[in-house]
Structure formats: structure tokens, C-alpha cells
Amino acid sequence: MEDADYLPVRRKINKYYVSPENVVSDPVPLGPIYILRETKPPFTSGIAALNLTEAATAIRQQAYRPFLIQRMAKQDAYFLATMRMMTRSEAFTLTRPMGFAALPKVLDQLQAHWREVGLV
């Protein structure tokens, strides 16, 4: 990056805009959607499928700045986007302990799940 001339994202912050080398205009496949949840009662560690209603609710709760959906009157658009996602994928909860010590076990669970759903 030292040799290139990048535009700063904001002054006085060491953060720069980098143009992507490639641009893909076609939609890419969507894999499983995981809603992260901490292992604490009543939840136990693991991966569980969500039905359509649970998935739509969970995805809405994961929205970036969800209060903006209503303020910008985008409820219909957000709902339709969620439904498009659900026609292309499935949603699951991934309940796991917090902290890096549990990460290897969580990765093993994810890899096993990916094999189970035919992703790998």
C-alpha cells in the first residue's frame, strides 16, 4: 500500500478506500445463514435449523441499525429482501460459548454442518 496513492476515508484516521480488483455483477450463491447466540441457559451449544418465521424474525433482528428500517419506511423492502434470502438459503442458530478457547470446537461443528448440508 505504500507505493499506491489511496484516498483517505476520513481525515486524521489511518483508513483508506481501496478499489476492488474485480467486480462481480451477477449474484453469488448464498450459503447457510447463522444467527449467533451465546451458550447460556436455556441454550446449549450447537446448530439448529430455524423455521421460516423464526428465520425472518432473527434476520430482521440482525439488521444493521434496525431503527433506520422504520424511519426510512423500508419495512416492505427489508421483508422482501429477507424472503429472497430465505428462498436461496436456510437459517440456523449457532449457539456457542464466548471466547477464543472454544473456537476450534465451533469450527469443527461448522465444518461438520457444511458437510451435512452439502456445502463441502
PDB file of N, CA and C in Angstrom:
ATOM      1  N   MET A   1       0.809  -1.196   0.000  1.00  0.00           N
ATOM      2  CA  MET A   1       0.000   0.000   0.000  1.00  0.00           C
ATOM      3  C   MET A   1       0.853   1.262   0.000  1.00  0.00           C
ATOM      4  N   GLU A   2       2.095   1.136   0.410  1.00  0.00           N
ATOM      5  CA  GLU A   2       2.942   2.317   0.498  1.00  0.00           C
ATOM      6  C   GLU A   2       3.198   2.950  -0.865  1.00  0.00           C
ATOM      7  N   ASP A   3       3.209   2.119  -1.914  1.00  0.00           N
ATOM      8  CA  ASP A   3       3.517   2.633  -3.251  1.00  0.00           C
ATOM      9  C   ASP A   3       2.298   3.254  -3.944  1.00  0.00           C
ATOM     10  N   ALA A   4       1.123   2.929  -3.492  1.00  0.00           N
ATOM     11  CA  ALA A   4      -0.089   3.398  -4.169  1.00  0.00           C
ATOM     12  C   ALA A   4      -0.609   4.686  -3.541  1.00  0.00           C
ATOM     13  N   ASP A   5      -1.397   5.388  -4.310  1.00  0.00           N
ATOM     14  CA  ASP A   5      -1.996   6.635  -3.849  1.00  0.00           C
ATOM     15  C   ASP A   5      -3.471   6.368  -3.558  1.00  0.00           C
ATOM     16  N   TYR A   6      -3.812   6.129  -2.285  1.00  0.00           N
ATOM     17  CA  TYR A   6      -5.174   5.825  -1.884  1.00  0.00           C
ATOM     18  C   TYR A   6      -5.822   7.046  -1.261  1.00  0.00           C
ATOM     19  N   LEU A   7      -7.120   7.182  -1.503  1.00  0.00           N
ATOM     20  CA  LEU A   7      -7.867   8.285  -0.913  1.00  0.00           C
ATOM     21  C   LEU A   7      -8.246   7.944   0.524  1.00  0.00           C
ATOM     22  N   PRO A   8      -8.031   8.873   1.447  1.00  0.00           N
ATOM     23  CA  PRO A   8      -8.426   8.593   2.837  1.00  0.00           C
ATOM     24  C   PRO A   8      -9.943   8.540   2.966  1.00  0.00           C
ATOM     25  N   VAL A   9     -10.430   7.626   3.820  1.00  0.00           N
ATOM     26  CA  VAL A   9     -11.861   7.539   4.086  1.00  0.00           C
ATOM     27  C   VAL A   9     -12.284   8.741   4.916  1.00  0.00           C
ATOM     28  N   ARG A  10     -11.444   9.115   5.859  1.00  0.00           N
ATOM     29  CA  ARG A  10     -11.698  10.248   6.725  1.00  0.00           C
ATOM     30  C   ARG A  10     -10.356  10.852   7.121  1.00  0.00           C
ATOM     31  N   ARG A  11     -10.320  12.145   7.280  1.00  0.00           N
ATOM     32  CA  ARG A  11      -9.071  12.783   7.690  1.00  0.00           C
ATOM     33  C   ARG A  11      -8.666  12.358   9.096  1.00  0.00           C
ATOM     34  N   LYS A  12      -7.389  12.316   9.326  1.00  0.00           N
ATOM     35  CA  LYS A  12      -6.798  12.013  10.631  1.00  0.00           C
ATOM     36  C   LYS A  12      -7.052  10.582  11.100  1.00  0.00           C
ATOM     37  N   ILE A  13      -7.512   9.729  10.204  1.00  0.00           N
ATOM     38  CA  ILE A  13      -7.677   8.310  10.523  1.00  0.00           C
ATOM     39  C   ILE A  13      -6.905   7.534   9.474  1.00  0.00           C
ATOM     40  N   ASN A  14      -6.131   6.591   9.907  1.00  0.00           N
ATOM     41  CA  ASN A  14      -5.305   5.799   9.002  1.00  0.00           C
ATOM     42  C   ASN A  14      -6.166   4.707   8.347  1.00  0.00           C
ATOM     43  N   LYS A  15      -7.154   5.164   7.549  1.00  0.00           N
ATOM     44  CA  LYS A  15      -8.086   4.268   6.872  1.00  0.00           C
ATOM     45  C   LYS A  15      -8.299   4.815   5.470  1.00  0.00           C
ATOM     46  N   TYR A  16      -8.162   3.921   4.457  1.00  0.00           N
ATOM     47  CA  TYR A  16      -8.186   4.366   3.074  1.00  0.00           C
ATOM     48  C   TYR A  16      -9.158   3.541   2.241  1.00  0.00           C
ATOM     49  N   TYR A  17      -9.699   4.162   1.197  1.00  0.00           N
ATOM     50  CA  TYR A  17     -10.539   3.459   0.246  1.00  0.00           C
ATOM     51  C   TYR A  17      -9.642   2.733  -0.750  1.00  0.00           C
ATOM     52  N   VAL A  18      -9.893   1.447  -0.931  1.00  0.00           N
ATOM     53  CA  VAL A  18      -9.146   0.641  -1.886  1.00  0.00           C
ATOM     54  C   VAL A  18     -10.149   0.092  -2.894  1.00  0.00           C
ATOM     55  N   SER A  19      -9.963   0.406  -4.151  1.00  0.00           N
ATOM     56  CA  SER A  19     -10.853  -0.092  -5.206  1.00  0.00           C
ATOM     57  C   SER A  19     -10.666  -1.591  -5.367  1.00  0.00           C
ATOM     58  N   PRO A  20     -11.764  -2.316  -5.571  1.00  0.00           N
ATOM     59  CA  PRO A  20     -11.635  -3.764  -5.773  1.00  0.00           C
ATOM     60  C   PRO A  20     -10.976  -4.058  -7.119  1.00  0.00           C
ATOM     61  N   GLU A  21     -10.213  -5.148  -7.155  1.00  0.00           N
ATOM     62  CA  GLU A  21      -9.566  -5.538  -8.404  1.00  0.00           C
ATOM     63  C   GLU A  21     -10.584  -6.087  -9.398  1.00  0.00           C
ATOM     64  N   ASN A  22     -11.576  -6.816  -8.892  1.00  0.00           N
ATOM     65  CA  ASN A  22     -12.597  -7.415  -9.743  1.00  0.00           C
ATOM     66  C   ASN A  22     -13.972  -7.006  -9.243  1.00  0.00           C
ATOM     67  N   VAL A  23     -14.885  -6.878 -10.172  1.00  0.00           N
ATOM     68  CA  VAL A  23     -16.265  -6.566  -9.824  1.00  0.00           C
ATOM     69  C   VAL A  23     -17.151  -7.669 -10.383  1.00  0.00           C
ATOM     70  N   VAL A  24     -18.025  -8.205  -9.545  1.00  0.00           N
ATOM     71  CA  VAL A  24     -18.948  -9.252  -9.965  1.00  0.00           C
ATOM     72  C   VAL A  24     -20.343  -8.656  -9.970  1.00  0.00           C
ATOM     73  N   SER A  25     -20.983  -8.678 -11.129  1.00  0.00           N
ATOM     74  CA  SER A  25     -22.324  -8.094 -11.211  1.00  0.00           C
ATOM     75  C   SER A  25     -23.427  -9.125 -11.006  1.00  0.00           C
ATOM     76  N   ASP A  26     -23.119 -10.398 -11.247  1.00  0.00           N
ATOM     77  CA  ASP A  26     -24.113 -11.446 -11.033  1.00  0.00           C
ATOM     78  C   ASP A  26     -24.160 -11.822  -9.553  1.00  0.00           C
ATOM     79  N   PRO A  27     -25.337 -12.176  -9.054  1.00  0.00           N
ATOM     80  CA  PRO A  27     -25.426 -12.588  -7.649  1.00  0.00           C
ATOM     81  C   PRO A  27     -24.572 -13.825  -7.394  1.00  0.00           C
ATOM     82  N   VAL A  28     -23.960 -13.877  -6.246  1.00  0.00           N
ATOM     83  CA  VAL A  28     -23.174 -15.047  -5.862  1.00  0.00           C
ATOM     84  C   VAL A  28     -24.062 -15.973  -5.035  1.00  0.00           C
ATOM     85  N   PRO A  29     -23.764 -17.262  -5.016  1.00  0.00           N
ATOM     86  CA  PRO A  29     -24.585 -18.187  -4.226  1.00  0.00           C
ATOM     87  C   PRO A  29     -24.562 -17.807  -2.746  1.00  0.00           C
ATOM     88  N   LEU A  30     -25.676 -18.030  -2.097  1.00  0.00           N
ATOM     89  CA  LEU A  30     -25.795 -17.746  -0.674  1.00  0.00           C
ATOM     90  C   LEU A  30     -25.789 -19.059   0.078  1.00  0.00           C
ATOM     91  N   GLY A  31     -24.888 -19.186   1.021  1.00  0.00           N
ATOM     92  CA  GLY A  31     -24.806 -20.393   1.834  1.00  0.00           C
ATOM     93  C   GLY A  31     -25.689 -20.281   3.062  1.00  0.00           C
ATOM     94  N   PRO A  32     -25.521 -21.200   4.003  1.00  0.00           N
ATOM     95  CA  PRO A  32     -26.329 -21.151   5.216  1.00  0.00           C
ATOM     96  C   PRO A  32     -26.142 -19.819   5.954  1.00  0.00           C
ATOM     97  N   ILE A  33     -27.212 -19.360   6.581  1.00  0.00           N
ATOM     98  CA  ILE A  33     -27.182 -18.139   7.384  1.00  0.00           C
ATOM     99  C   ILE A  33     -27.168 -18.578   8.840  1.00  0.00           C
ATOM    100  N   TYR A  34     -26.190 -18.085   9.596  1.00  0.00           N
ATOM    101  CA  TYR A  34     -26.078 -18.456  11.001  1.00  0.00           C
ATOM    102  C   TYR A  34     -26.356 -17.247  11.880  1.00  0.00           C
ATOM    103  N   ILE A  35     -27.304 -17.400  12.784  1.00  0.00           N
ATOM    104  CA  ILE A  35     -27.602 -16.390  13.785  1.00  0.00           C
ATOM    105  C   ILE A  35     -26.827 -16.795  15.032  1.00  0.00           C
ATOM    106  N   LEU A  36     -25.872 -15.955  15.424  1.00  0.00           N
ATOM    107  CA  LEU A  36     -25.009 -16.290  16.552  1.00  0.00           C
ATOM    108  C   LEU A  36     -25.730 -16.055  17.869  1.00  0.00           C
ATOM    109  N   ARG A  37     -25.509 -16.979  18.796  1.00  0.00           N
ATOM    110  CA  ARG A  37     -26.135 -16.900  20.113  1.00  0.00           C
ATOM    111  C   ARG A  37     -25.162 -17.494  21.122  1.00  0.00           C
ATOM    112  N   GLU A  38     -25.088 -16.895  22.275  1.00  0.00           N
ATOM    113  CA  GLU A  38     -24.169 -17.362  23.321  1.00  0.00           C
ATOM    114  C   GLU A  38     -24.768 -18.544  24.065  1.00  0.00           C
ATOM    115  N   THR A  39     -23.898 -19.498  24.405  1.00  0.00           N
ATOM    116  CA  THR A  39     -24.327 -20.639  25.199  1.00  0.00           C
ATOM    117  C   THR A  39     -24.506 -20.189  26.647  1.00  0.00           C
ATOM    118  N   LYS A  40     -25.741 -20.059  27.041  1.00  0.00           N
ATOM    119  CA  LYS A  40     -26.102 -19.807  28.437  1.00  0.00           C
ATOM    120  C   LYS A  40     -27.563 -20.210  28.580  1.00  0.00           C
ATOM    121  N   PRO A  41     -27.954 -20.661  29.773  1.00  0.00           N
ATOM    122  CA  PRO A  41     -29.311 -21.187  29.941  1.00  0.00           C
ATOM    123  C   PRO A  41     -30.368 -20.236  29.397  1.00  0.00           C
ATOM    124  N   PRO A  42     -31.315 -20.752  28.678  1.00  0.00           N
ATOM    125  CA  PRO A  42     -31.655 -22.171  28.478  1.00  0.00           C
ATOM    126  C   PRO A  42     -31.001 -22.786  27.245  1.00  0.00           C
ATOM    127  N   PHE A  43     -30.068 -22.098  26.603  1.00  0.00           N
ATOM    128  CA  PHE A  43     -29.487 -22.556  25.349  1.00  0.00           C
ATOM    129  C   PHE A  43     -28.261 -23.428  25.578  1.00  0.00           C
ATOM    130  N   THR A  44     -28.136 -24.453  24.734  1.00  0.00           N
ATOM    131  CA  THR A  44     -26.948 -25.307  24.757  1.00  0.00           C
ATOM    132  C   THR A  44     -26.225 -25.153  23.424  1.00  0.00           C
ATOM    133  N   SER A  45     -24.951 -25.473  23.414  1.00  0.00           N
ATOM    134  CA  SER A  45     -24.136 -25.332  22.208  1.00  0.00           C
ATOM    135  C   SER A  45     -24.657 -26.214  21.085  1.00  0.00           C
ATOM    136  N   GLY A  46     -24.535 -25.696  19.869  1.00  0.00           N
ATOM    137  CA  GLY A  46     -24.910 -26.490  18.710  1.00  0.00           C
ATOM    138  C   GLY A  46     -25.506 -25.654  17.602  1.00  0.00           C
ATOM    139  N   ILE A  47     -25.904 -26.338  16.545  1.00  0.00           N
ATOM    140  CA  ILE A  47     -26.500 -25.706  15.376  1.00  0.00           C
ATOM    141  C   ILE A  47     -27.904 -26.270  15.216  1.00  0.00           C
ATOM    142  N   ALA A  48     -28.884 -25.372  15.097  1.00  0.00           N
ATOM    143  CA  ALA A  48     -30.274 -25.801  14.954  1.00  0.00           C
ATOM    144  C   ALA A  48     -30.942 -25.008  13.841  1.00  0.00           C
ATOM    145  N   ALA A  49     -31.752 -25.704  13.044  1.00  0.00           N
ATOM    146  CA  ALA A  49     -32.479 -25.057  11.947  1.00  0.00           C
ATOM    147  C   ALA A  49     -33.585 -24.168  12.493  1.00  0.00           C
ATOM    148  N   LEU A  50     -33.828 -23.064  11.791  1.00  0.00           N
ATOM    149  CA  LEU A  50     -34.938 -22.167  12.117  1.00  0.00           C
ATOM    150  C   LEU A  50     -36.034 -22.347  11.073  1.00  0.00           C
ATOM    151  N   ASN A  51     -37.294 -22.312  11.509  1.00  0.00           N
ATOM    152  CA  ASN A  51     -38.364 -22.336  10.505  1.00  0.00           C
ATOM    153  C   ASN A  51     -38.436 -20.958   9.861  1.00  0.00           C
ATOM    154  N   LEU A  52     -39.267 -20.821   8.848  1.00  0.00           N
ATOM    155  CA  LEU A  52     -39.308 -19.583   8.072  1.00  0.00           C
ATOM    156  C   LEU A  52     -39.639 -18.363   8.928  1.00  0.00           C
ATOM    157  N   THR A  53     -40.600 -18.493   9.812  1.00  0.00           N
ATOM    158  CA  THR A  53     -40.986 -17.368  10.674  1.00  0.00           C
ATOM    159  C   THR A  53     -39.863 -16.991  11.616  1.00  0.00           C
ATOM    160  N   GLU A  54     -39.258 -17.996  12.256  1.00  0.00           N
ATOM    161  CA  GLU A  54     -38.137 -17.732  13.164  1.00  0.00           C
ATOM    162  C   GLU A  54     -36.970 -17.089  12.412  1.00  0.00           C
ATOM    163  N   ALA A  55     -36.702 -17.601  11.211  1.00  0.00           N
ATOM    164  CA  ALA A  55     -35.593 -17.076  10.413  1.00  0.00           C
ATOM    165  C   ALA A  55     -35.825 -15.624  10.032  1.00  0.00           C
ATOM    166  N   ALA A  56     -37.034 -15.305   9.560  1.00  0.00           N
ATOM    167  CA  ALA A  56     -37.333 -13.928   9.164  1.00  0.00           C
ATOM    168  C   ALA A  56     -37.206 -12.980  10.351  1.00  0.00           C
ATOM    169  N   THR A  57     -37.689 -13.400  11.501  1.00  0.00           N
ATOM    170  CA  THR A  57     -37.589 -12.573  12.708  1.00  0.00           C
ATOM    171  C   THR A  57     -36.135 -12.390  13.118  1.00  0.00           C
ATOM    172  N   ALA A  58     -35.382 -13.480  13.109  1.00  0.00           N
ATOM    173  CA  ALA A  58     -33.981 -13.419  13.527  1.00  0.00           C
ATOM    174  C   ALA A  58     -33.158 -12.539  12.592  1.00  0.00           C
ATOM    175  N   ILE A  59     -33.408 -12.659  11.294  1.00  0.00           N
ATOM    176  CA  ILE A  59     -32.654 -11.848  10.333  1.00  0.00           C
ATOM    177  C   ILE A  59     -32.974 -10.369  10.509  1.00  0.00           C
ATOM    178  N   ARG A  60     -34.227 -10.059  10.747  1.00  0.00           N
ATOM    179  CA  ARG A  60     -34.596  -8.656  10.989  1.00  0.00           C
ATOM    180  C   ARG A  60     -33.889  -8.122  12.231  1.00  0.00           C
ATOM    181  N   GLN A  61     -33.790  -8.932  13.264  1.00  0.00           N
ATOM    182  CA  GLN A  61     -33.123  -8.506  14.496  1.00  0.00           C
ATOM    183  C   GLN A  61     -31.627  -8.290  14.290  1.00  0.00           C
ATOM    184  N   GLN A  62     -31.068  -8.894  13.251  1.00  0.00           N
ATOM    185  CA  GLN A  62     -29.636  -8.755  12.970  1.00  0.00           C
ATOM    186  C   GLN A  62     -29.329  -7.578  12.051  1.00  0.00           C
ATOM    187  N   ALA A  63     -30.338  -6.855  11.646  1.00  0.00           N
ATOM    188  CA  ALA A  63     -30.150  -5.743  10.710  1.00  0.00           C
ATOM    189  C   ALA A  63     -29.193  -4.714  11.284  1.00  0.00           C
ATOM    190  N   TYR A  64     -28.419  -4.119  10.408  1.00  0.00           N
ATOM    191  CA  TYR A  64     -27.545  -3.027  10.796  1.00  0.00           C
ATOM    192  C   TYR A  64     -28.414  -1.807  11.054  1.00  0.00           C
ATOM    193  N   ARG A  65     -28.363  -1.296  12.257  1.00  0.00           N
ATOM    194  CA  ARG A  65     -29.166  -0.141  12.668  1.00  0.00           C
ATOM    195  C   ARG A  65     -30.641  -0.336  12.313  1.00  0.00           C
ATOM    196  N   PRO A  66     -31.282  -1.318  12.943  1.00  0.00           N
ATOM    197  CA  PRO A  66     -32.661  -1.668  12.586  1.00  0.00           C
ATOM    198  C   PRO A  66     -33.657  -0.518  12.729  1.00  0.00           C
ATOM    199  N   PHE A  67     -33.385   0.445  13.591  1.00  0.00           N
ATOM    200  CA  PHE A  67     -34.308   1.568  13.736  1.00  0.00           C
ATOM    201  C   PHE A  67     -34.430   2.363  12.435  1.00  0.00           C
ATOM    202  N   LEU A  68     -33.402   2.292  11.585  1.00  0.00           N
ATOM    203  CA  LEU A  68     -33.451   3.014  10.319  1.00  0.00           C
ATOM    204  C   LEU A  68     -34.449   2.406   9.340  1.00  0.00           C
ATOM    205  N   ILE A  69     -34.719   1.113   9.466  1.00  0.00           N
ATOM    206  CA  ILE A  69     -35.675   0.465   8.559  1.00  0.00           C
ATOM    207  C   ILE A  69     -37.025   1.174   8.649  1.00  0.00           C
ATOM    208  N   GLN A  70     -37.460   1.409   9.857  1.00  0.00           N
ATOM    209  CA  GLN A  70     -38.754   2.070  10.036  1.00  0.00           C
ATOM    210  C   GLN A  70     -38.676   3.555   9.694  1.00  0.00           C
ATOM    211  N   ARG A  71     -37.633   4.217  10.162  1.00  0.00           N
ATOM    212  CA  ARG A  71     -37.508   5.655   9.901  1.00  0.00           C
ATOM    213  C   ARG A  71     -37.430   5.976   8.413  1.00  0.00           C
ATOM    214  N   MET A  72     -36.851   5.068   7.650  1.00  0.00           N
ATOM    215  CA  MET A  72     -36.724   5.292   6.203  1.00  0.00           C
ATOM    216  C   MET A  72     -37.877   4.656   5.423  1.00  0.00           C
ATOM    217  N   ALA A  73     -38.852   4.117   6.171  1.00  0.00           N
ATOM    218  CA  ALA A  73     -40.020   3.459   5.555  1.00  0.00           C
ATOM    219  C   ALA A  73     -39.593   2.343   4.596  1.00  0.00           C
ATOM    220  N   LYS A  74     -38.676   1.495   5.061  1.00  0.00           N
ATOM    221  CA  LYS A  74     -38.150   0.412   4.225  1.00  0.00           C
ATOM    222  C   LYS A  74     -38.580  -0.966   4.720  1.00  0.00           C
ATOM    223  N   GLN A  75     -39.654  -1.031   5.526  1.00  0.00           N
ATOM    224  CA  GLN A  75     -40.089  -2.309   6.070  1.00  0.00           C
ATOM    225  C   GLN A  75     -40.423  -3.304   4.958  1.00  0.00           C
ATOM    226  N   ASP A  76     -41.148  -2.841   3.935  1.00  0.00           N
ATOM    227  CA  ASP A  76     -41.523  -3.740   2.835  1.00  0.00           C
ATOM    228  C   ASP A  76     -40.292  -4.238   2.082  1.00  0.00           C
ATOM    229  N   ALA A  77     -39.372  -3.348   1.789  1.00  0.00           N
ATOM    230  CA  ALA A  77     -38.161  -3.730   1.061  1.00  0.00           C
ATOM    231  C   ALA A  77     -37.321  -4.703   1.877  1.00  0.00           C
ATOM    232  N   TYR A  78     -37.224  -4.451   3.180  1.00  0.00           N
ATOM    233  CA  TYR A  78     -36.437  -5.338   4.033  1.00  0.00           C
ATOM    234  C   TYR A  78     -37.094  -6.713   4.120  1.00  0.00           C
ATOM    235  N   PHE A  79     -38.425  -6.739   4.236  1.00  0.00           N
ATOM    236  CA  PHE A  79     -39.147  -8.003   4.273  1.00  0.00           C
ATOM    237  C   PHE A  79     -38.927  -8.789   2.979  1.00  0.00           C
ATOM    238  N   LEU A  80     -39.049  -8.119   1.825  1.00  0.00           N
ATOM    239  CA  LEU A  80     -38.843  -8.796   0.545  1.00  0.00           C
ATOM    240  C   LEU A  80     -37.409  -9.306   0.389  1.00  0.00           C
ATOM    241  N   ALA A  81     -36.453  -8.523   0.833  1.00  0.00           N
ATOM    242  CA  ALA A  81     -35.053  -8.966   0.775  1.00  0.00           C
ATOM    243  C   ALA A  81     -34.849 -10.205   1.649  1.00  0.00           C
ATOM    244  N   THR A  82     -35.455 -10.204   2.821  1.00  0.00           N
ATOM    245  CA  THR A  82     -35.355 -11.361   3.714  1.00  0.00           C
ATOM    246  C   THR A  82     -35.977 -12.591   3.062  1.00  0.00           C
ATOM    247  N   MET A  83     -37.133 -12.428   2.445  1.00  0.00           N
ATOM    248  CA  MET A  83     -37.792 -13.560   1.786  1.00  0.00           C
ATOM    249  C   MET A  83     -36.966 -14.075   0.603  1.00  0.00           C
ATOM    250  N   ARG A  84     -36.337 -13.168  -0.141  1.00  0.00           N
ATOM    251  CA  ARG A  84     -35.461 -13.613  -1.241  1.00  0.00           C
ATOM    252  C   ARG A  84     -34.298 -14.433  -0.682  1.00  0.00           C
ATOM    253  N   MET A  85     -33.751 -13.982   0.444  1.00  0.00           N
ATOM    254  CA  MET A  85     -32.661 -14.742   1.065  1.00  0.00           C
ATOM    255  C   MET A  85     -33.144 -16.127   1.474  1.00  0.00           C
ATOM    256  N   MET A  86     -34.346 -16.200   2.026  1.00  0.00           N
ATOM    257  CA  MET A  86     -34.849 -17.472   2.524  1.00  0.00           C
ATOM    258  C   MET A  86     -35.204 -18.438   1.389  1.00  0.00           C
ATOM    259  N   THR A  87     -35.440 -17.927   0.171  1.00  0.00           N
ATOM    260  CA  THR A  87     -35.682 -18.833  -0.952  1.00  0.00           C
ATOM    261  C   THR A  87     -34.375 -19.398  -1.499  1.00  0.00           C
ATOM    262  N   ARG A  88     -33.266 -18.781  -1.137  1.00  0.00           N
ATOM    263  CA  ARG A  88     -31.956 -19.211  -1.632  1.00  0.00           C
ATOM    264  C   ARG A  88     -31.120 -19.931  -0.577  1.00  0.00           C
ATOM    265  N   SER A  89     -31.567 -19.890   0.664  1.00  0.00           N
ATOM    266  CA  SER A  89     -30.750 -20.439   1.740  1.00  0.00           C
ATOM    267  C   SER A  89     -31.627 -20.876   2.898  1.00  0.00           C
ATOM    268  N   GLU A  90     -30.979 -21.434   3.904  1.00  0.00           N
ATOM    269  CA  GLU A  90     -31.640 -21.785   5.161  1.00  0.00           C
ATOM    270  C   GLU A  90     -30.955 -21.029   6.283  1.00  0.00           C
ATOM    271  N   ALA A  91     -31.686 -20.813   7.354  1.00  0.00           N
ATOM    272  CA  ALA A  91     -31.127 -20.109   8.515  1.00  0.00           C
ATOM    273  C   ALA A  91     -31.049 -21.062   9.700  1.00  0.00           C
ATOM    274  N   PHE A  92     -30.004 -20.856  10.487  1.00  0.00           N
ATOM    275  CA  PHE A  92     -29.735 -21.698  11.651  1.00  0.00           C
ATOM    276  C   PHE A  92     -29.281 -20.816  12.800  1.00  0.00           C
ATOM    277  N   THR A  93     -29.480 -21.313  14.016  1.00  0.00           N
ATOM    278  CA  THR A  93     -28.811 -20.683  15.148  1.00  0.00           C
ATOM    279  C   THR A  93     -27.499 -21.424  15.346  1.00  0.00           C
ATOM    280  N   LEU A  94     -26.471 -20.676  15.648  1.00  0.00           N
ATOM    281  CA  LEU A  94     -25.172 -21.239  16.023  1.00  0.00           C
ATOM    282  C   LEU A  94     -24.935 -20.779  17.451  1.00  0.00           C
ATOM    283  N   THR A  95     -25.225 -21.674  18.375  1.00  0.00           N
ATOM    284  CA  THR A  95     -25.087 -21.360  19.794  1.00  0.00           C
ATOM    285  C   THR A  95     -23.729 -21.871  20.249  1.00  0.00           C
ATOM    286  N   ARG A  96     -22.920 -20.956  20.776  1.00  0.00           N
ATOM    287  CA  ARG A  96     -21.550 -21.316  21.138  1.00  0.00           C
ATOM    288  C   ARG A  96     -21.098 -20.485  22.321  1.00  0.00           C
ATOM    289  N   PRO A  97     -20.094 -21.010  23.059  1.00  0.00           N
ATOM    290  CA  PRO A  97     -19.526 -20.228  24.162  1.00  0.00           C
ATOM    291  C   PRO A  97     -18.788 -19.011  23.614  1.00  0.00           C
ATOM    292  N   MET A  98     -18.761 -17.969  24.382  1.00  0.00           N
ATOM    293  CA  MET A  98     -17.989 -16.788  24.002  1.00  0.00           C
ATOM    294  C   MET A  98     -16.519 -17.050  24.330  1.00  0.00           C
ATOM    295  N   GLY A  99     -15.635 -16.421  23.606  1.00  0.00           N
ATOM    296  CA  GLY A  99     -14.206 -16.554  23.867  1.00  0.00           C
ATOM    297  C   GLY A  99     -13.515 -17.406  22.826  1.00  0.00           C
ATOM    298  N   PHE A 100     -12.224 -17.166  22.714  1.00  0.00           N
ATOM    299  CA  PHE A 100     -11.434 -17.845  21.691  1.00  0.00           C
ATOM    300  C   PHE A 100     -11.103 -19.289  22.045  1.00  0.00           C
ATOM    301  N   ALA A 101     -11.166 -19.663  23.313  1.00  0.00           N
ATOM    302  CA  ALA A 101     -10.811 -21.026  23.706  1.00  0.00           C
ATOM    303  C   ALA A 101     -11.734 -22.056  23.042  1.00  0.00           C
ATOM    304  N   ALA A 102     -12.994 -21.694  22.827  1.00  0.00           N
ATOM    305  CA  ALA A 102     -13.962 -22.625  22.240  1.00  0.00           C
ATOM    306  C   ALA A 102     -13.944 -22.622  20.720  1.00  0.00           C
ATOM    307  N   LEU A 103     -13.184 -21.725  20.117  1.00  0.00           N
ATOM    308  CA  LEU A 103     -13.212 -21.554  18.668  1.00  0.00           C
ATOM    309  C   LEU A 103     -12.896 -22.833  17.879  1.00  0.00           C
ATOM    310  N   PRO A 104     -11.887 -23.625  18.240  1.00  0.00           N
ATOM    311  CA  PRO A 104     -11.631 -24.851  17.468  1.00  0.00           C
ATOM    312  C   PRO A 104     -12.829 -25.800  17.436  1.00  0.00           C
ATOM    313  N   LYS A 105     -13.521 -25.955  18.558  1.00  0.00           N
ATOM    314  CA  LYS A 105     -14.690 -26.834  18.606  1.00  0.00           C
ATOM    315  C   LYS A 105     -15.822 -26.262  17.746  1.00  0.00           C
ATOM    316  N   VAL A 106     -16.025 -24.961  17.780  1.00  0.00           N
ATOM    317  CA  VAL A 106     -17.068 -24.320  16.968  1.00  0.00           C
ATOM    318  C   VAL A 106     -16.761 -24.500  15.478  1.00  0.00           C
ATOM    319  N   LEU A 107     -15.502 -24.351  15.107  1.00  0.00           N
ATOM    320  CA  LEU A 107     -15.116 -24.556  13.705  1.00  0.00           C
ATOM    321  C   LEU A 107     -15.358 -25.993  13.273  1.00  0.00           C
ATOM    322  N   ASP A 108     -15.080 -26.946  14.155  1.00  0.00           N
ATOM    323  CA  ASP A 108     -15.367 -28.348  13.844  1.00  0.00           C
ATOM    324  C   ASP A 108     -16.869 -28.555  13.627  1.00  0.00           C
ATOM    325  N   GLN A 109     -17.697 -27.919  14.483  1.00  0.00           N
ATOM    326  CA  GLN A 109     -19.154 -28.029  14.326  1.00  0.00           C
ATOM    327  C   GLN A 109     -19.604 -27.447  12.988  1.00  0.00           C
ATOM    328  N   LEU A 110     -19.054 -26.294  12.631  1.00  0.00           N
ATOM    329  CA  LEU A 110     -19.419 -25.670  11.360  1.00  0.00           C
ATOM    330  C   LEU A 110     -19.016 -26.548  10.180  1.00  0.00           C
ATOM    331  N   GLN A 111     -17.809 -27.075  10.208  1.00  0.00           N
ATOM    332  CA  GLN A 111     -17.361 -27.924   9.097  1.00  0.00           C
ATOM    333  C   GLN A 111     -18.224 -29.172   8.970  1.00  0.00           C
ATOM    334  N   ALA A 112     -18.601 -29.760  10.106  1.00  0.00           N
ATOM    335  CA  ALA A 112     -19.490 -30.928  10.073  1.00  0.00           C
ATOM    336  C   ALA A 112     -20.855 -30.540   9.498  1.00  0.00           C
ATOM    337  N   HIS A 113     -21.351 -29.369   9.865  1.00  0.00           N
ATOM    338  CA  HIS A 113     -22.635 -28.908   9.360  1.00  0.00           C
ATOM    339  C   HIS A 113     -22.565 -28.634   7.862  1.00  0.00           C
ATOM    340  N   TRP A 114     -21.488 -28.058   7.405  1.00  0.00           N
ATOM    341  CA  TRP A 114     -21.321 -27.784   5.970  1.00  0.00           C
ATOM    342  C   TRP A 114     -21.329 -29.096   5.176  1.00  0.00           C
ATOM    343  N   ARG A 115     -20.696 -30.138   5.725  1.00  0.00           N
ATOM    344  CA  ARG A 115     -20.726 -31.439   5.051  1.00  0.00           C
ATOM    345  C   ARG A 115     -22.161 -31.982   5.049  1.00  0.00           C
ATOM    346  N   GLU A 116     -22.862 -31.830   6.161  1.00  0.00           N
ATOM    347  CA  GLU A 116     -24.233 -32.321   6.296  1.00  0.00           C
ATOM    348  C   GLU A 116     -25.186 -31.670   5.299  1.00  0.00           C
ATOM    349  N   VAL A 117     -25.021 -30.375   5.060  1.00  0.00           N
ATOM    350  CA  VAL A 117     -25.926 -29.667   4.133  1.00  0.00           C
ATOM    351  C   VAL A 117     -25.400 -29.672   2.695  1.00  0.00           C
ATOM    352  N   GLY A 118     -24.262 -30.348   2.465  1.00  0.00           N
ATOM    353  CA  GLY A 118     -23.731 -30.476   1.116  1.00  0.00           C
ATOM    354  C   GLY A 118     -22.970 -29.256   0.604  1.00  0.00           C
ATOM    355  N   LEU A 119     -22.533 -28.414   1.523  1.00  0.00           N
ATOM    356  CA  LEU A 119     -21.778 -27.230   1.111  1.00  0.00           C
ATOM    357  C   LEU A 119     -20.349 -27.593   0.730  1.00  0.00           C
ATOM    358  N   VAL A 120     -19.784 -28.591   1.396  1.00  0.00           N
ATOM    359  CA  VAL A 120     -18.433 -29.068   1.063  1.00  0.00           C
ATOM    360  C   VAL A 120     -18.455 -30.567   0.888  1.00  0.00           C
TER     361      VAL A 120
END
